[in-house]
Amino acid sequence: MKITIKLSGHILFPAMDTLPQIKDYATVIRELVKKGDHVSVVVGGGAPARYYIQLARREGADEATCDHIGITIANLNAKIFSQALGDVACPFVPMDFDELEKAKVSGKVIVMGGLQPGQSTNAVACILAEKMRSELLINTTTVDGVYSSDPKRDQDARRLETVTVGELSKILASMGVKAGEYALLDPVALRIIQRSRITTKIIDGRDPLNILRACTGEKIGTTIIS
C-alpha cells in the first residue's frame, strides 16, 4: 500500500526543554517498510516552530515571515526524523517539487517538512499524498479524532467516526489559520483531499502503534469522506 503519514510536531517535538522522543515513531515507519508498504512522511514544526514564530511576531514580523520561519524549523525536524529512520530514508529532505521528483527516484522513505508560506504542514502532507498517489493519508494529532465541536469548550461534543470534507470545513470555519496555529487541516489541505479523493484518517498519534492500527484497517479515529 502507498501511505503518507503526517507526524504532528506537537507530538514529536512537544517542548523546547526536552529532547524529542522519536525512536518509537521511526520504528513504526520501518515496520511498515519491512511489510512492503511505500511510505512517505511529513513532519510538523512543533514547539520549536511556535517558539521562534512567537519571538518573530514580538519583534514585528509579518505572517509571511513567520510562515518562512515555521517552514525552516519543520524542515530541520524532518531532517532529524530522517536520521532516526536510518538507511530506509531518502538521504535529503525535499524543499520543493523539483527536489521531490529527485527524491522519488531513490525509492526510499521521503521525509518532508514545509514548502511555502500560507500552507500548513498538513497541506504539505496532502500534496505529498497526491504526488505519491497514496491510497491512505494518516494525520496524527493529540486528540482521538474529529469532534462535532471543540471538546474543550463544549461538553456535548461527540467524536465522529466519519466526516465529509464539507462538514469538517464547517467545524473548522471559526478557527484561525495563523502561522504555527493551524487547526487539524487548513482549507488548502481540505481541497486537495476532496479533489484527489484520498482516504484520510485523523488519529491520536500519541501512541505510535495507532499508526499501525490505522494502516491495517482497524476502526480508529475519524475517517474523512471526500
Foldseek 3Di string as FASTA:
>chain_A
DEEEEEAELCQQPVEDVDHGDCLVLLVLVVVCVVVPYQYEYEYFQHPVLVVVLVVCVVVPDDQQVSQVSRQVSSLVVQQVNQVSNPPQEQNHADAEDVVVVVSVVVSGHHYYYDHHGPAGSLLVSLVVCVVSVGQEYEYADQDFADWQEPVVVDVPIDFALEEELVSVCVRCVVPDDGRPGDDRHDPSNSVSCVVSVHWYFYGHPNPVCVVVCVVVPHRTYYIYGD
